Structure formats: C-alpha cells, structure tokens
Amino acid sequence: MDFSVATLGELSLGDGKYGIAASAVDYDAELPAYLRITDINDDGTLNWNDRKSVDDPAAYKYMLREGDIVFARTGNSTGKNYYYDSRDGEFAFAGFLIRFSLDDKKVNPRYVKYYAQSKAYWDWVASFNTGSTRGNINAKTYAQMPIPLPDRPTQDSIVMLCDSVSNKIRLNAKLNGYLTA
C-alpha cells in the first residue's frame, strides 16, 4: 500500500500554539480544569489522580476543542500527547504543551491521534535524544513531523478499528475502577 507523507503543520489549521504559563491551583469546578504534562499518561489517556484548575482570566483562550492534539515539548515527557476528547471534560492547556488544531478536510484527526501513539512516532521523538537525555521539541519542529498519510477511506478504517479497541480499553478501565472502589 502506498502512502503519501504530510507534515503535522500541513495537516493543521495554523501554527502550533504554546499553552498558558500559569500556576495550577487546587481543582475547583468553578474554574477551568488545567491540563498539564503530568496529567497525560504515556498511552495518551488522562491521569485523573491529581486534577488541577487554573485561576487566570486568560485561560479561556487556551481551551481545547474537538480536533486538537497537544504534545509535551520538554524533559523526559517530550513526545507525550493527548488528543482532546470532549467526554473527558473541558481543559485549558499548560505552557509546556503545544496545541495543533487538525484540519478535518485534510486528515481524519483521530488518525493523527493514533499515529502519535505508534512506534514510528516514538522513533521520531527519540531521534532528538542526545545520549540519555530526551531532547526538547518546539512547535516549529513538531510542525515538520512527517506523518504517513493513506487515502481517507483507509484512514477512516484504521480509526474505526483503533476506536473499537480504545473504547473497550476505556470501558475495562471504568469497570476496574468500580471493582476497586
């Protein structure tokens, strides 16, 4: 099967945007929830153990929307990513994350979500490492990330299969939570 290659920047609406540089505060339902690197698991799911809020009027400019994916840009977390799912609630994203808003006319956004969990993606992230130190990746570099791009029907089939598995994992995690409660 032949795939073309596009960059993340080519598949996005505009440039990558850095999150808000604000301190986290204890979670408050009256304030926006705050998505930080530490809230993202390696598999792109959310870690709900220490949910925080952000108390800054500018936070509303940094709210995630459908089709958004954020990437960690620094330290040992470089490369961790989260594709926004409205079932997870609303979030403002923190400054060590970079948001790309995917253009659904150019790509199935969920295809990019699953690509960003693939071995090929993690190999690309690892190419920025120097010795035992994980390299930082800025918005410009993320925008140049190559993504193999099959035709849209193939993307949709891949997403449908991955969504099916992902939904089963989500359900099992929820059931396990009930069993341990």
C-alpha atoms as a PDB file:
ATOM      1  CA  MET A   1       0.000   0.000   0.000  1.00  0.00           C
ATOM      2  CA  ASP A   2       1.401   3.387  -0.985  1.00  0.00           C
ATOM      3  CA  PHE A   3       1.147   6.255   1.467  1.00  0.00           C
ATOM      4  CA  SER A   4       1.953   9.858   0.805  1.00  0.00           C
ATOM      5  CA  VAL A   5       3.703  11.772   3.575  1.00  0.00           C
ATOM      6  CA  ALA A   6       2.468  15.055   5.025  1.00  0.00           C
ATOM      7  CA  THR A   7       3.799  17.102   7.903  1.00  0.00           C
ATOM      8  CA  LEU A   8       1.799  17.855  11.020  1.00  0.00           C
ATOM      9  CA  GLY A   9       1.916  21.526  10.035  1.00  0.00           C
ATOM     10  CA  GLU A  10       0.397  20.774   6.630  1.00  0.00           C
ATOM     11  CA  LEU A  11      -2.460  18.910   8.304  1.00  0.00           C
ATOM     12  CA  SER A  12      -3.179  21.657  10.839  1.00  0.00           C
ATOM     13  CA  LEU A  13      -5.153  24.878  10.892  1.00  0.00           C
ATOM     14  CA  GLY A  14      -2.426  27.411  11.622  1.00  0.00           C
ATOM     15  CA  ASP A  15       0.737  27.012  13.650  1.00  0.00           C
ATOM     16  CA  GLY A  16       1.321  25.087  16.848  1.00  0.00           C
ATOM     17  CA  LYS A  17       0.375  27.173  19.900  1.00  0.00           C
ATOM     18  CA  TYR A  18       2.008  27.076  23.312  1.00  0.00           C
ATOM     19  CA  GLY A  19      -0.263  26.790  26.348  1.00  0.00           C
ATOM     20  CA  ILE A  20      -0.855  29.274  29.128  1.00  0.00           C
ATOM     21  CA  ALA A  21       2.013  29.973  31.525  1.00  0.00           C
ATOM     22  CA  ALA A  22       0.079  29.939  34.787  1.00  0.00           C
ATOM     23  CA  SER A  23       0.313  28.108  38.078  1.00  0.00           C
ATOM     24  CA  ALA A  24      -2.019  25.250  38.840  1.00  0.00           C
ATOM     25  CA  VAL A  25      -4.410  25.611  41.774  1.00  0.00           C
ATOM     26  CA  ASP A  26      -6.463  23.012  43.619  1.00  0.00           C
ATOM     27  CA  TYR A  27      -9.308  21.716  41.492  1.00  0.00           C
ATOM     28  CA  ASP A  28     -12.353  23.975  41.558  1.00  0.00           C
ATOM     29  CA  ALA A  29     -15.403  23.197  39.423  1.00  0.00           C
ATOM     30  CA  GLU A  30     -15.954  26.963  39.004  1.00  0.00           C
ATOM     31  CA  LEU A  31     -12.579  27.349  37.251  1.00  0.00           C
ATOM     32  CA  PRO A  32     -11.263  25.775  34.056  1.00  0.00           C
ATOM     33  CA  ALA A  33      -9.618  22.386  34.554  1.00  0.00           C
ATOM     34  CA  TYR A  34      -5.894  22.568  33.800  1.00  0.00           C
ATOM     35  CA  LEU A  35      -4.217  20.008  31.528  1.00  0.00           C
ATOM     36  CA  ARG A  36      -0.535  19.610  32.387  1.00  0.00           C
ATOM     37  CA  ILE A  37       2.112  17.169  31.162  1.00  0.00           C
ATOM     38  CA  THR A  38       1.707  15.168  34.373  1.00  0.00           C
ATOM     39  CA  ASP A  39      -1.979  14.646  33.554  1.00  0.00           C
ATOM     40  CA  ILE A  40      -1.138  12.736  30.361  1.00  0.00           C
ATOM     41  CA  ASN A  41      -0.269   9.045  30.513  1.00  0.00           C
ATOM     42  CA  ASP A  42       2.247   7.555  28.086  1.00  0.00           C
ATOM     43  CA  ASP A  43      -0.613   5.981  26.106  1.00  0.00           C
ATOM     44  CA  GLY A  44      -2.323   9.341  25.523  1.00  0.00           C
ATOM     45  CA  THR A  45      -5.040   8.827  28.124  1.00  0.00           C
ATOM     46  CA  LEU A  46      -5.567  11.098  31.115  1.00  0.00           C
ATOM     47  CA  ASN A  47      -4.256  10.596  34.624  1.00  0.00           C
ATOM     48  CA  TRP A  48      -7.089  11.713  36.912  1.00  0.00           C
ATOM     49  CA  ASN A  49      -5.149  11.282  40.179  1.00  0.00           C
ATOM     50  CA  ASP A  50      -4.255  14.937  40.801  1.00  0.00           C
ATOM     51  CA  ARG A  51      -6.659  17.080  38.790  1.00  0.00           C
ATOM     52  CA  LYS A  52      -5.984  20.826  38.995  1.00  0.00           C
ATOM     53  CA  SER A  53      -7.589  24.066  37.855  1.00  0.00           C
ATOM     54  CA  VAL A  54      -6.155  27.307  36.537  1.00  0.00           C
ATOM     55  CA  ASP A  55      -7.195  30.664  38.001  1.00  0.00           C
ATOM     56  CA  ASP A  56      -6.298  33.094  35.233  1.00  0.00           C
ATOM     57  CA  PRO A  57      -8.761  35.115  33.118  1.00  0.00           C
ATOM     58  CA  ALA A  58      -6.684  34.331  30.008  1.00  0.00           C
ATOM     59  CA  ALA A  59      -7.242  30.579  30.471  1.00  0.00           C
ATOM     60  CA  TYR A  60     -10.340  30.624  28.274  1.00  0.00           C
ATOM     61  CA  LYS A  61      -8.125  31.445  25.259  1.00  0.00           C
ATOM     62  CA  TYR A  62      -6.351  28.120  25.837  1.00  0.00           C
ATOM     63  CA  MET A  63      -9.342  25.799  25.963  1.00  0.00           C
ATOM     64  CA  LEU A  64      -9.038  22.627  23.888  1.00  0.00           C
ATOM     65  CA  ARG A  65     -11.559  21.958  21.121  1.00  0.00           C
ATOM     66  CA  GLU A  66     -12.530  18.966  19.000  1.00  0.00           C
ATOM     67  CA  GLY A  67      -9.715  18.170  16.581  1.00  0.00           C
ATOM     68  CA  ASP A  68      -6.976  19.474  18.914  1.00  0.00           C
ATOM     69  CA  ILE A  69      -3.944  17.442  19.880  1.00  0.00           C
ATOM     70  CA  VAL A  70      -1.325  18.589  22.390  1.00  0.00           C
ATOM     71  CA  PHE A  71       2.284  17.461  22.627  1.00  0.00           C
ATOM     72  CA  ALA A  72       4.713  17.708  25.542  1.00  0.00           C
ATOM     73  CA  ARG A  73       7.725  19.721  24.452  1.00  0.00           C
ATOM     74  CA  THR A  74      10.352  19.317  27.153  1.00  0.00           C
ATOM     75  CA  GLY A  75      12.135  16.963  29.527  1.00  0.00           C
ATOM     76  CA  ASN A  76      11.546  13.257  29.989  1.00  0.00           C
ATOM     77  CA  SER A  77       7.928  13.779  28.957  1.00  0.00           C
ATOM     78  CA  THR A  78       8.804  15.086  25.487  1.00  0.00           C
ATOM     79  CA  GLY A  79       6.546  13.391  22.977  1.00  0.00           C
ATOM     80  CA  LYS A  80       3.702  12.526  25.333  1.00  0.00           C
ATOM     81  CA  ASN A  81       0.485  13.619  23.700  1.00  0.00           C
ATOM     82  CA  TYR A  82      -3.236  13.838  24.202  1.00  0.00           C
ATOM     83  CA  TYR A  83      -5.952  14.127  21.573  1.00  0.00           C
ATOM     84  CA  TYR A  84      -8.837  16.134  23.004  1.00  0.00           C
ATOM     85  CA  ASP A  85     -11.958  14.082  23.675  1.00  0.00           C
ATOM     86  CA  SER A  86     -14.956  16.085  24.881  1.00  0.00           C
ATOM     87  CA  ARG A  87     -16.011  13.084  27.022  1.00  0.00           C
ATOM     88  CA  ASP A  88     -13.041  13.982  29.249  1.00  0.00           C
ATOM     89  CA  GLY A  89     -14.436  17.456  30.049  1.00  0.00           C
ATOM     90  CA  GLU A  90     -13.122  20.923  29.233  1.00  0.00           C
ATOM     91  CA  PHE A  91      -9.474  21.912  29.716  1.00  0.00           C
ATOM     92  CA  ALA A  92      -7.124  24.826  29.367  1.00  0.00           C
ATOM     93  CA  PHE A  93      -3.701  23.504  28.384  1.00  0.00           C
ATOM     94  CA  ALA A  94      -0.457  24.386  30.143  1.00  0.00           C
ATOM     95  CA  GLY A  95       2.626  26.122  28.776  1.00  0.00           C
ATOM     96  CA  PHE A  96       4.790  23.023  28.403  1.00  0.00           C
ATOM     97  CA  LEU A  97       2.250  21.653  25.921  1.00  0.00           C
ATOM     98  CA  ILE A  98       1.878  22.635  22.262  1.00  0.00           C
ATOM     99  CA  ARG A  99      -1.551  22.515  20.590  1.00  0.00           C
ATOM    100  CA  PHE A 100      -2.148  21.720  16.943  1.00  0.00           C
ATOM    101  CA  SER A 101      -5.690  22.076  15.599  1.00  0.00           C
ATOM    102  CA  LEU A 102      -6.101  19.439  12.913  1.00  0.00           C
ATOM    103  CA  ASP A 103      -7.900  20.231   9.654  1.00  0.00           C
ATOM    104  CA  ASP A 104     -10.550  17.548   9.167  1.00  0.00           C
ATOM    105  CA  LYS A 105     -10.704  18.377   5.456  1.00  0.00           C
ATOM    106  CA  LYS A 106      -7.098  17.181   5.097  1.00  0.00           C
ATOM    107  CA  VAL A 107      -6.956  14.297   7.581  1.00  0.00           C
ATOM    108  CA  ASN A 108      -9.107  12.302   9.937  1.00  0.00           C
ATOM    109  CA  PRO A 109      -7.908  13.963  13.177  1.00  0.00           C
ATOM    110  CA  ARG A 110      -8.216  10.700  15.091  1.00  0.00           C
ATOM    111  CA  TYR A 111      -5.800   9.111  12.605  1.00  0.00           C
ATOM    112  CA  VAL A 112      -3.160  11.586  13.827  1.00  0.00           C
ATOM    113  CA  LYS A 113      -4.109  10.687  17.407  1.00  0.00           C
ATOM    114  CA  TYR A 114      -3.321   7.036  16.771  1.00  0.00           C
ATOM    115  CA  TYR A 115      -0.228   7.807  14.718  1.00  0.00           C
ATOM    116  CA  ALA A 116       1.090   9.787  17.712  1.00  0.00           C
ATOM    117  CA  GLN A 117       0.994   6.562  19.749  1.00  0.00           C
ATOM    118  CA  SER A 118       2.833   4.471  17.148  1.00  0.00           C
ATOM    119  CA  LYS A 119       6.369   3.110  17.183  1.00  0.00           C
ATOM    120  CA  ALA A 120       7.175   5.277  14.144  1.00  0.00           C
ATOM    121  CA  TYR A 121       6.160   8.384  16.093  1.00  0.00           C
ATOM    122  CA  TRP A 122       8.169   7.424  19.184  1.00  0.00           C
ATOM    123  CA  ASP A 123      11.195   6.636  16.995  1.00  0.00           C
ATOM    124  CA  TRP A 124      10.887  10.155  15.543  1.00  0.00           C
ATOM    125  CA  VAL A 125      10.767  11.623  19.073  1.00  0.00           C
ATOM    126  CA  ALA A 126      13.788   9.518  20.095  1.00  0.00           C
ATOM    127  CA  SER A 127      15.778  10.918  17.160  1.00  0.00           C
ATOM    128  CA  PHE A 128      16.069  14.176  19.139  1.00  0.00           C
ATOM    129  CA  ASN A 129      17.675  12.482  22.136  1.00  0.00           C
ATOM    130  CA  THR A 130      21.300  13.204  22.969  1.00  0.00           C
ATOM    131  CA  GLY A 131      22.803  10.351  24.915  1.00  0.00           C
ATOM    132  CA  SER A 132      20.499   9.511  27.808  1.00  0.00           C
ATOM    133  CA  THR A 133      18.776  12.915  27.667  1.00  0.00           C
ATOM    134  CA  ARG A 134      15.458  13.248  25.888  1.00  0.00           C
ATOM    135  CA  GLY A 135      15.609  16.241  23.578  1.00  0.00           C
ATOM    136  CA  ASN A 136      13.168  19.120  23.592  1.00  0.00           C
ATOM    137  CA  ILE A 137      10.872  19.570  20.589  1.00  0.00           C
ATOM    138  CA  ASN A 138       9.436  23.012  19.831  1.00  0.00           C
ATOM    139  CA  ALA A 139       6.328  23.921  17.819  1.00  0.00           C
ATOM    140  CA  LYS A 140       8.298  24.504  14.623  1.00  0.00           C
ATOM    141  CA  THR A 141       9.907  21.057  14.852  1.00  0.00           C
ATOM    142  CA  TYR A 142       6.602  19.345  15.665  1.00  0.00           C
ATOM    143  CA  ALA A 143       5.101  21.084  12.617  1.00  0.00           C
ATOM    144  CA  GLN A 144       7.756  19.354  10.476  1.00  0.00           C
ATOM    145  CA  MET A 145       6.930  15.890  11.858  1.00  0.00           C
ATOM    146  CA  PRO A 146       6.326  13.538   8.923  1.00  0.00           C
ATOM    147  CA  ILE A 147       3.100  11.551   9.024  1.00  0.00           C
ATOM    148  CA  PRO A 148       2.429   8.688   6.587  1.00  0.00           C
ATOM    149  CA  LEU A 149      -0.914   9.510   5.037  1.00  0.00           C
ATOM    150  CA  PRO A 150      -3.036   6.822   3.392  1.00  0.00           C
ATOM    151  CA  ASP A 151      -6.157   7.813   1.475  1.00  0.00           C
ATOM    152  CA  ARG A 152      -9.143   8.970   3.546  1.00  0.00           C
ATOM    153  CA  PRO A 153     -11.100   5.689   3.401  1.00  0.00           C
ATOM    154  CA  THR A 154      -8.033   3.846   4.736  1.00  0.00           C
ATOM    155  CA  GLN A 155      -7.555   6.463   7.475  1.00  0.00           C
ATOM    156  CA  ASP A 156     -11.208   6.050   8.433  1.00  0.00           C
ATOM    157  CA  SER A 157     -10.866   2.242   8.569  1.00  0.00           C
ATOM    158  CA  ILE A 158      -7.753   2.493  10.751  1.00  0.00           C
ATOM    159  CA  VAL A 159      -9.541   4.921  13.072  1.00  0.00           C
ATOM    160  CA  MET A 160     -12.634   2.717  13.279  1.00  0.00           C
ATOM    161  CA  LEU A 161     -10.532  -0.295  14.272  1.00  0.00           C
ATOM    162  CA  CYS A 162      -8.412   1.655  16.779  1.00  0.00           C
ATOM    163  CA  ASP A 163     -11.502   3.379  18.245  1.00  0.00           C
ATOM    164  CA  SER A 164     -13.117  -0.016  18.791  1.00  0.00           C
ATOM    165  CA  VAL A 165     -10.099  -1.277  20.737  1.00  0.00           C
ATOM    166  CA  SER A 166      -9.697   2.037  22.579  1.00  0.00           C
ATOM    167  CA  ASN A 167     -13.361   2.085  23.637  1.00  0.00           C
ATOM    168  CA  LYS A 168     -13.046  -1.451  25.016  1.00  0.00           C
ATOM    169  CA  ILE A 169      -9.952  -0.438  26.977  1.00  0.00           C
ATOM    170  CA  ARG A 170     -11.777   2.641  28.316  1.00  0.00           C
ATOM    171  CA  LEU A 171     -14.752   0.503  29.372  1.00  0.00           C
ATOM    172  CA  ASN A 172     -12.495  -2.071  31.066  1.00  0.00           C
ATOM    173  CA  ALA A 173     -10.663   0.690  32.946  1.00  0.00           C
ATOM    174  CA  LYS A 174     -14.008   2.091  34.109  1.00  0.00           C
ATOM    175  CA  LEU A 175     -15.168  -1.354  35.242  1.00  0.00           C
ATOM    176  CA  ASN A 176     -11.881  -1.925  37.069  1.00  0.00           C
ATOM    177  CA  GLY A 177     -12.396   1.388  38.832  1.00  0.00           C
ATOM    178  CA  TYR A 178     -15.800   0.224  40.043  1.00  0.00           C
ATOM    179  CA  LEU A 179     -14.300  -3.045  41.281  1.00  0.00           C
ATOM    180  CA  THR A 180     -11.596  -1.309  43.315  1.00  0.00           C
ATOM    181  CA  ALA A 181     -13.925   1.353  44.754  1.00  0.00           C
END
